[in-house]
Amino acid sequence: MKHYLFIIIALLFTNFVNAQRYDLGDSFYPNSREFKLIGISSAKGVKSYKYIRPITDYMFGRKIGDIIIGEKYGRVVTTVYNLIPIKGDVGVPQSIVNVIQSALPYPLALIDDAYGVNIDNETISLSRSKNAITFYKDRIMYFSSVKRSLLNN
């Protein structure tokens, strides 16, 4: 699955030279100049960090509003990229779905206006959201995570 996520992340950032990129499984040791601890999961012990430096990068022609990284034992276990919708975007734009789908061996399922797929030990989802993960702002959220059962250790 890491191979597919790598392809997807590469597709996300094909037009950018200095994009902030975090892949599941990568080593991750945040520092206070770049990241702020925003929470620790009581169930799994995953620490969530928000990238706090200015973000000037774009994905799919949309500015990245926020980046959130989940870390456990020095490894990235979740990633959230909150994209700022452009005028005319309704839900998750089909152009974004098409790019991600083209890199996957299985179809993204559409359930309750959210796209998602589970492959091996990883999950990818896309949704148009306005909730705590998007800091209550209207965003197109790209979320990836490792299987919850892998976080039990």
N, C-alpha and C. Protein backbone atom coordinates (compact mmCIF):
# COMPACT_ATOMS: atom_id res chain seq x y z
N MET A 1 0.83 -1.19 0.00
CA MET A 1 0.00 0.00 0.00
C MET A 1 0.87 1.26 0.00
N LYS A 2 1.99 1.24 0.70
CA LYS A 2 2.84 2.42 0.74
C LYS A 2 3.20 2.87 -0.67
N HIS A 3 3.37 1.90 -1.57
CA HIS A 3 3.67 2.23 -2.96
C HIS A 3 2.55 3.08 -3.56
N TYR A 4 1.30 2.71 -3.32
CA TYR A 4 0.17 3.47 -3.86
C TYR A 4 0.08 4.85 -3.22
N LEU A 5 0.30 4.92 -1.91
CA LEU A 5 0.26 6.22 -1.25
C LEU A 5 1.37 7.11 -1.77
N PHE A 6 2.54 6.54 -2.02
CA PHE A 6 3.64 7.32 -2.56
C PHE A 6 3.26 7.90 -3.92
N ILE A 7 2.64 7.08 -4.77
CA ILE A 7 2.21 7.54 -6.09
C ILE A 7 1.18 8.66 -5.94
N ILE A 8 0.22 8.48 -5.03
CA ILE A 8 -0.81 9.49 -4.83
C ILE A 8 -0.19 10.78 -4.33
N ILE A 9 0.67 10.70 -3.33
CA ILE A 9 1.30 11.91 -2.80
C ILE A 9 2.14 12.57 -3.89
N ALA A 10 2.84 11.77 -4.69
CA ALA A 10 3.62 12.35 -5.78
C ALA A 10 2.72 13.07 -6.76
N LEU A 11 1.56 12.48 -7.08
CA LEU A 11 0.61 13.14 -7.97
C LEU A 11 0.09 14.44 -7.36
N LEU A 12 -0.13 14.43 -6.06
CA LEU A 12 -0.63 15.62 -5.39
C LEU A 12 0.33 16.78 -5.54
N PHE A 13 1.62 16.49 -5.52
CA PHE A 13 2.63 17.53 -5.47
C PHE A 13 3.44 17.66 -6.76
N THR A 14 2.91 17.17 -7.89
CA THR A 14 3.70 17.19 -9.13
C THR A 14 4.04 18.59 -9.60
N ASN A 15 3.27 19.59 -9.24
CA ASN A 15 3.53 20.95 -9.70
C ASN A 15 4.30 21.79 -8.70
N PHE A 16 4.83 21.19 -7.65
CA PHE A 16 5.42 21.98 -6.58
C PHE A 16 6.84 21.54 -6.30
N VAL A 17 7.67 22.51 -6.00
CA VAL A 17 9.07 22.23 -5.71
C VAL A 17 9.29 22.06 -4.21
N ASN A 18 8.69 22.90 -3.39
CA ASN A 18 8.97 22.92 -1.96
C ASN A 18 7.80 22.47 -1.10
N ALA A 19 6.99 21.56 -1.59
CA ALA A 19 5.79 21.14 -0.87
C ALA A 19 6.14 20.41 0.42
N GLN A 20 5.34 20.65 1.46
CA GLN A 20 5.45 19.90 2.70
C GLN A 20 4.80 18.55 2.47
N ARG A 21 5.55 17.49 2.61
CA ARG A 21 5.04 16.17 2.29
C ARG A 21 5.38 15.20 3.41
N TYR A 22 4.37 14.49 3.86
CA TYR A 22 4.54 13.53 4.93
C TYR A 22 3.86 12.24 4.52
N ASP A 23 4.61 11.14 4.47
CA ASP A 23 4.07 9.85 4.07
C ASP A 23 3.91 8.94 5.28
N LEU A 24 2.88 8.11 5.26
CA LEU A 24 2.67 7.14 6.34
C LEU A 24 3.92 6.28 6.49
N GLY A 25 4.32 6.07 7.73
CA GLY A 25 5.47 5.23 8.02
C GLY A 25 6.79 5.98 8.08
N ASP A 26 6.83 7.21 7.56
CA ASP A 26 8.08 7.99 7.61
C ASP A 26 8.44 8.33 9.05
N SER A 27 9.72 8.51 9.30
CA SER A 27 10.16 9.00 10.60
C SER A 27 9.62 10.41 10.78
N PHE A 28 9.25 10.74 12.03
CA PHE A 28 8.67 12.05 12.29
C PHE A 28 8.99 12.46 13.71
N TYR A 29 9.79 13.50 13.83
CA TYR A 29 10.16 14.05 15.13
C TYR A 29 9.91 15.56 15.06
N PRO A 30 8.69 15.99 15.41
CA PRO A 30 8.32 17.40 15.24
C PRO A 30 9.11 18.32 16.17
N ASN A 31 9.32 19.54 15.69
CA ASN A 31 9.94 20.55 16.53
C ASN A 31 8.95 21.70 16.71
N SER A 32 9.13 22.48 17.75
CA SER A 32 8.18 23.53 18.11
C SER A 32 8.20 24.72 17.15
N ARG A 33 9.20 24.82 16.30
CA ARG A 33 9.23 25.89 15.30
C ARG A 33 8.30 25.61 14.13
N GLU A 34 8.01 24.33 13.90
CA GLU A 34 7.19 23.94 12.75
C GLU A 34 5.84 23.34 13.14
N PHE A 35 5.75 22.73 14.33
CA PHE A 35 4.55 22.00 14.70
C PHE A 35 4.07 22.35 16.10
N LYS A 36 2.76 22.30 16.26
CA LYS A 36 2.15 22.50 17.57
C LYS A 36 1.35 21.23 17.90
N LEU A 37 1.58 20.69 19.09
CA LEU A 37 0.81 19.54 19.56
C LEU A 37 -0.62 20.00 19.78
N ILE A 38 -1.58 19.34 19.14
CA ILE A 38 -2.98 19.74 19.29
C ILE A 38 -3.82 18.68 19.99
N GLY A 39 -3.26 17.50 20.25
CA GLY A 39 -4.01 16.50 20.97
C GLY A 39 -3.31 15.16 20.99
N ILE A 40 -3.73 14.33 21.96
CA ILE A 40 -3.22 12.97 22.08
C ILE A 40 -4.43 12.06 22.23
N SER A 41 -4.52 11.06 21.39
CA SER A 41 -5.63 10.12 21.44
C SER A 41 -5.55 9.30 22.72
N SER A 42 -6.62 9.33 23.50
CA SER A 42 -6.62 8.54 24.74
C SER A 42 -6.73 7.05 24.43
N ALA A 43 -7.33 6.69 23.29
CA ALA A 43 -7.50 5.28 22.95
C ALA A 43 -6.24 4.65 22.38
N LYS A 44 -5.51 5.36 21.52
CA LYS A 44 -4.37 4.77 20.82
C LYS A 44 -3.04 5.46 21.11
N GLY A 45 -3.06 6.60 21.80
CA GLY A 45 -1.82 7.29 22.12
C GLY A 45 -1.17 8.01 20.95
N VAL A 46 -1.94 8.24 19.89
CA VAL A 46 -1.40 8.97 18.74
C VAL A 46 -1.38 10.46 19.06
N LYS A 47 -0.23 11.08 18.84
CA LYS A 47 -0.09 12.52 19.05
C LYS A 47 -0.38 13.21 17.72
N SER A 48 -1.24 14.22 17.76
CA SER A 48 -1.57 14.99 16.56
C SER A 48 -0.92 16.35 16.61
N TYR A 49 -0.28 16.72 15.51
CA TYR A 49 0.43 17.98 15.40
C TYR A 49 -0.09 18.76 14.21
N LYS A 50 -0.20 20.08 14.40
CA LYS A 50 -0.57 20.97 13.31
C LYS A 50 0.69 21.69 12.84
N TYR A 51 0.88 21.72 11.54
CA TYR A 51 1.99 22.46 10.95
C TYR A 51 1.67 23.94 11.12
N ILE A 52 2.57 24.72 11.76
CA ILE A 52 2.24 26.09 12.11
C ILE A 52 3.00 27.15 11.29
N ARG A 53 3.89 26.75 10.45
CA ARG A 53 4.57 27.72 9.60
C ARG A 53 3.67 28.08 8.43
N PRO A 54 3.93 29.19 7.77
CA PRO A 54 3.10 29.55 6.61
C PRO A 54 3.15 28.47 5.53
N ILE A 55 2.00 28.18 4.96
CA ILE A 55 1.91 27.18 3.89
C ILE A 55 1.60 27.93 2.60
N THR A 56 2.44 27.78 1.62
CA THR A 56 2.23 28.45 0.34
C THR A 56 1.98 27.45 -0.77
N ASP A 57 1.96 26.17 -0.45
CA ASP A 57 1.82 25.12 -1.44
C ASP A 57 0.37 24.90 -1.84
N TYR A 58 0.21 24.32 -3.02
CA TYR A 58 -1.09 24.00 -3.59
C TYR A 58 -1.15 22.52 -3.93
N MET A 59 -2.34 21.96 -3.88
CA MET A 59 -2.61 20.61 -4.37
C MET A 59 -3.85 20.71 -5.25
N PHE A 60 -3.79 20.16 -6.43
CA PHE A 60 -4.93 20.18 -7.35
C PHE A 60 -5.43 21.60 -7.61
N GLY A 61 -4.53 22.55 -7.63
CA GLY A 61 -4.92 23.92 -7.88
C GLY A 61 -5.61 24.61 -6.71
N ARG A 62 -5.54 23.98 -5.54
CA ARG A 62 -6.14 24.55 -4.34
C ARG A 62 -5.07 24.73 -3.28
N LYS A 63 -5.13 25.85 -2.60
CA LYS A 63 -4.16 26.15 -1.55
C LYS A 63 -4.36 25.19 -0.38
N ILE A 64 -3.26 24.74 0.19
CA ILE A 64 -3.34 23.91 1.39
C ILE A 64 -3.57 24.85 2.57
N GLY A 65 -4.68 24.63 3.28
CA GLY A 65 -5.00 25.47 4.43
C GLY A 65 -4.32 25.01 5.70
N ASP A 66 -4.32 23.71 5.93
CA ASP A 66 -3.72 23.13 7.13
C ASP A 66 -3.14 21.77 6.82
N ILE A 67 -2.10 21.42 7.56
CA ILE A 67 -1.53 20.08 7.52
C ILE A 67 -1.51 19.57 8.95
N ILE A 68 -2.06 18.37 9.14
CA ILE A 68 -2.06 17.73 10.46
C ILE A 68 -1.39 16.37 10.31
N ILE A 69 -0.47 16.09 11.21
CA ILE A 69 0.26 14.84 11.20
C ILE A 69 0.02 14.11 12.51
N GLY A 70 -0.33 12.82 12.41
CA GLY A 70 -0.43 11.97 13.59
C GLY A 70 0.84 11.15 13.72
N GLU A 71 1.37 11.10 14.92
CA GLU A 71 2.66 10.42 15.17
C GLU A 71 2.52 9.44 16.33
N LYS A 72 3.14 8.29 16.17
CA LYS A 72 3.27 7.34 17.27
C LYS A 72 4.63 6.67 17.14
N TYR A 73 5.38 6.66 18.23
CA TYR A 73 6.72 6.06 18.26
C TYR A 73 7.63 6.60 17.16
N GLY A 74 7.53 7.91 16.86
CA GLY A 74 8.42 8.52 15.90
C GLY A 74 8.08 8.24 14.45
N ARG A 75 6.87 7.77 14.17
CA ARG A 75 6.44 7.46 12.80
C ARG A 75 5.14 8.17 12.47
N VAL A 76 5.00 8.58 11.22
CA VAL A 76 3.75 9.17 10.74
C VAL A 76 2.72 8.05 10.63
N VAL A 77 1.58 8.22 11.33
CA VAL A 77 0.51 7.22 11.26
C VAL A 77 -0.78 7.80 10.69
N THR A 78 -0.89 9.12 10.61
CA THR A 78 -2.01 9.76 9.92
C THR A 78 -1.52 11.04 9.26
N THR A 79 -2.16 11.39 8.17
CA THR A 79 -1.91 12.68 7.53
C THR A 79 -3.26 13.29 7.17
N VAL A 80 -3.36 14.59 7.33
CA VAL A 80 -4.55 15.33 6.89
C VAL A 80 -4.06 16.56 6.15
N TYR A 81 -4.51 16.70 4.92
CA TYR A 81 -4.26 17.91 4.15
C TYR A 81 -5.62 18.57 3.92
N ASN A 82 -5.83 19.75 4.50
CA ASN A 82 -7.07 20.49 4.32
C ASN A 82 -6.88 21.50 3.20
N LEU A 83 -7.59 21.28 2.10
CA LEU A 83 -7.47 22.13 0.93
C LEU A 83 -8.58 23.17 0.94
N ILE A 84 -8.25 24.39 0.58
CA ILE A 84 -9.23 25.46 0.53
C ILE A 84 -9.96 25.38 -0.81
N PRO A 85 -11.27 25.16 -0.78
CA PRO A 85 -12.02 25.05 -2.04
C PRO A 85 -11.95 26.36 -2.84
N ILE A 86 -12.04 26.22 -4.15
CA ILE A 86 -12.13 27.40 -5.00
C ILE A 86 -13.59 27.61 -5.39
N LYS A 87 -13.90 28.80 -5.85
CA LYS A 87 -15.26 29.13 -6.23
C LYS A 87 -15.76 28.11 -7.25
N GLY A 88 -16.92 27.60 -7.02
CA GLY A 88 -17.51 26.62 -7.92
C GLY A 88 -17.31 25.17 -7.48
N ASP A 89 -16.41 24.92 -6.53
CA ASP A 89 -16.24 23.56 -6.02
C ASP A 89 -17.50 23.13 -5.28
N VAL A 90 -17.99 21.96 -5.64
CA VAL A 90 -19.13 21.36 -4.94
C VAL A 90 -18.67 20.01 -4.44
N GLY A 91 -18.78 19.78 -3.15
CA GLY A 91 -18.29 18.53 -2.59
C GLY A 91 -16.81 18.36 -2.89
N VAL A 92 -16.42 17.12 -3.14
CA VAL A 92 -15.04 16.84 -3.57
C VAL A 92 -15.05 16.89 -5.10
N PRO A 93 -14.33 17.81 -5.70
CA PRO A 93 -14.33 17.92 -7.16
C PRO A 93 -13.90 16.62 -7.83
N GLN A 94 -14.59 16.27 -8.91
CA GLN A 94 -14.30 15.03 -9.62
C GLN A 94 -12.87 14.99 -10.12
N SER A 95 -12.29 16.13 -10.44
CA SER A 95 -10.90 16.15 -10.92
C SER A 95 -9.94 15.60 -9.87
N ILE A 96 -10.19 15.90 -8.60
CA ILE A 96 -9.35 15.38 -7.52
C ILE A 96 -9.55 13.88 -7.37
N VAL A 97 -10.80 13.47 -7.39
CA VAL A 97 -11.12 12.03 -7.28
C VAL A 97 -10.44 11.27 -8.42
N ASN A 98 -10.50 11.79 -9.63
CA ASN A 98 -9.92 11.10 -10.79
C ASN A 98 -8.42 10.91 -10.65
N VAL A 99 -7.71 11.94 -10.18
CA VAL A 99 -6.26 11.82 -10.04
C VAL A 99 -5.90 10.76 -9.01
N ILE A 100 -6.58 10.77 -7.88
CA ILE A 100 -6.28 9.79 -6.85
C ILE A 100 -6.68 8.39 -7.31
N GLN A 101 -7.85 8.27 -7.93
CA GLN A 101 -8.30 6.96 -8.40
C GLN A 101 -7.33 6.37 -9.41
N SER A 102 -6.74 7.21 -10.24
CA SER A 102 -5.83 6.70 -11.28
C SER A 102 -4.60 6.01 -10.70
N ALA A 103 -4.27 6.29 -9.43
CA ALA A 103 -3.09 5.70 -8.81
C ALA A 103 -3.42 4.47 -7.97
N LEU A 104 -4.71 4.15 -7.85
CA LEU A 104 -5.11 3.04 -6.98
C LEU A 104 -5.51 1.80 -7.76
N PRO A 105 -5.27 0.61 -7.19
CA PRO A 105 -5.67 -0.62 -7.87
C PRO A 105 -7.15 -0.99 -7.62
N TYR A 106 -7.79 -0.32 -6.67
CA TYR A 106 -9.18 -0.59 -6.33
C TYR A 106 -9.97 0.71 -6.40
N PRO A 107 -11.27 0.61 -6.68
CA PRO A 107 -12.06 1.84 -6.78
C PRO A 107 -12.31 2.50 -5.42
N LEU A 108 -12.33 3.81 -5.44
CA LEU A 108 -12.75 4.56 -4.26
C LEU A 108 -14.26 4.36 -4.11
N ALA A 109 -14.70 4.08 -2.91
CA ALA A 109 -16.13 3.95 -2.64
C ALA A 109 -16.68 5.32 -2.28
N LEU A 110 -17.89 5.60 -2.69
CA LEU A 110 -18.56 6.85 -2.33
C LEU A 110 -19.67 6.51 -1.34
N ILE A 111 -19.49 6.96 -0.10
CA ILE A 111 -20.47 6.71 0.96
C ILE A 111 -20.72 8.03 1.67
N ASP A 112 -21.98 8.45 1.70
CA ASP A 112 -22.36 9.70 2.38
C ASP A 112 -21.48 10.88 1.95
N ASP A 113 -21.30 11.06 0.67
CA ASP A 113 -20.55 12.17 0.10
C ASP A 113 -19.06 12.16 0.44
N ALA A 114 -18.53 11.04 0.89
CA ALA A 114 -17.10 10.90 1.16
C ALA A 114 -16.56 9.73 0.35
N TYR A 115 -15.37 9.89 -0.20
CA TYR A 115 -14.72 8.84 -0.95
C TYR A 115 -13.70 8.16 -0.06
N GLY A 116 -13.57 6.84 -0.21
CA GLY A 116 -12.59 6.15 0.61
C GLY A 116 -12.23 4.79 0.08
N VAL A 117 -11.09 4.30 0.55
CA VAL A 117 -10.64 2.96 0.20
C VAL A 117 -9.73 2.46 1.32
N ASN A 118 -9.85 1.18 1.62
CA ASN A 118 -8.94 0.49 2.54
C ASN A 118 -8.15 -0.51 1.72
N ILE A 119 -6.84 -0.41 1.79
CA ILE A 119 -5.97 -1.35 1.08
C ILE A 119 -4.92 -1.82 2.06
N ASP A 120 -4.88 -3.12 2.26
CA ASP A 120 -3.95 -3.71 3.22
C ASP A 120 -4.13 -3.05 4.58
N ASN A 121 -3.13 -2.37 5.08
CA ASN A 121 -3.19 -1.79 6.42
C ASN A 121 -3.37 -0.27 6.41
N GLU A 122 -3.83 0.28 5.28
CA GLU A 122 -3.95 1.73 5.19
C GLU A 122 -5.29 2.16 4.62
N THR A 123 -5.68 3.37 4.98
CA THR A 123 -6.95 3.95 4.55
C THR A 123 -6.69 5.31 3.94
N ILE A 124 -7.44 5.60 2.88
CA ILE A 124 -7.42 6.92 2.26
C ILE A 124 -8.87 7.39 2.19
N SER A 125 -9.11 8.65 2.53
CA SER A 125 -10.44 9.20 2.35
C SER A 125 -10.37 10.64 1.88
N LEU A 126 -11.41 11.04 1.17
CA LEU A 126 -11.57 12.40 0.67
C LEU A 126 -12.98 12.85 1.02
N SER A 127 -13.09 14.03 1.57
CA SER A 127 -14.42 14.53 1.89
C SER A 127 -14.43 16.04 1.89
N ARG A 128 -15.61 16.58 1.73
CA ARG A 128 -15.81 18.01 1.92
C ARG A 128 -16.32 18.15 3.34
N SER A 129 -15.58 18.82 4.19
CA SER A 129 -15.87 18.80 5.62
C SER A 129 -15.80 20.19 6.23
N LYS A 130 -16.51 20.32 7.33
CA LYS A 130 -16.43 21.50 8.19
C LYS A 130 -16.62 20.96 9.60
N ASN A 131 -15.49 20.61 10.24
CA ASN A 131 -15.54 19.97 11.55
C ASN A 131 -14.26 20.27 12.32
N ALA A 132 -14.06 19.60 13.42
CA ALA A 132 -12.88 19.86 14.25
C ALA A 132 -11.57 19.61 13.49
N ILE A 133 -11.54 18.61 12.63
CA ILE A 133 -10.31 18.31 11.89
C ILE A 133 -9.98 19.41 10.88
N THR A 134 -10.99 20.13 10.43
CA THR A 134 -10.77 21.24 9.50
C THR A 134 -10.79 22.59 10.23
N PHE A 135 -10.77 22.52 11.56
CA PHE A 135 -10.82 23.72 12.40
C PHE A 135 -12.08 24.54 12.10
N TYR A 136 -13.16 23.79 11.80
CA TYR A 136 -14.49 24.34 11.52
C TYR A 136 -14.51 25.30 10.34
N LYS A 137 -13.64 25.03 9.37
CA LYS A 137 -13.63 25.79 8.12
C LYS A 137 -14.05 24.83 7.00
N ASP A 138 -14.70 25.34 5.98
CA ASP A 138 -15.10 24.54 4.82
C ASP A 138 -13.84 24.13 4.06
N ARG A 139 -13.56 22.82 4.02
CA ARG A 139 -12.33 22.32 3.39
C ARG A 139 -12.59 21.03 2.62
N ILE A 140 -11.71 20.77 1.67
CA ILE A 140 -11.64 19.47 1.02
C ILE A 140 -10.55 18.73 1.77
N MET A 141 -10.93 17.68 2.46
CA MET A 141 -9.98 17.00 3.35
C MET A 141 -9.47 15.71 2.72
N TYR A 142 -8.14 15.63 2.59
CA TYR A 142 -7.47 14.40 2.18
C TYR A 142 -6.90 13.78 3.45
N PHE A 143 -7.34 12.57 3.77
CA PHE A 143 -6.95 11.91 5.02
C PHE A 143 -6.36 10.55 4.69
N SER A 144 -5.23 10.21 5.30
CA SER A 144 -4.68 8.86 5.17
C SER A 144 -4.26 8.40 6.56
N SER A 145 -4.39 7.10 6.79
CA SER A 145 -4.01 6.57 8.10
C SER A 145 -3.67 5.09 7.98
N VAL A 146 -2.92 4.63 8.98
CA VAL A 146 -2.66 3.20 9.10
C VAL A 146 -3.85 2.57 9.81
N LYS A 147 -3.99 1.27 9.65
CA LYS A 147 -5.06 0.52 10.30
C LYS A 147 -5.00 0.69 11.82
N ARG A 148 -6.14 0.95 12.44
CA ARG A 148 -6.19 1.21 13.88
C ARG A 148 -5.56 0.09 14.70
N SER A 149 -5.73 -1.14 14.28
CA SER A 149 -5.19 -2.26 15.07
C SER A 149 -3.67 -2.24 15.11
N LEU A 150 -3.02 -1.61 14.16
CA LEU A 150 -1.55 -1.51 14.18
C LEU A 150 -1.07 -0.54 15.25
N LEU A 151 -1.96 0.29 15.77
CA LEU A 151 -1.59 1.30 16.75
C LEU A 151 -1.70 0.79 18.18
N ASN A 152 -2.06 -0.47 18.37
CA ASN A 152 -2.27 -1.01 19.70
C ASN A 152 -0.98 -1.17 20.50
N ASN A 153 0.13 -1.27 19.86
CA ASN A 153 1.41 -1.49 20.58
C ASN A 153 1.87 -0.24 21.29
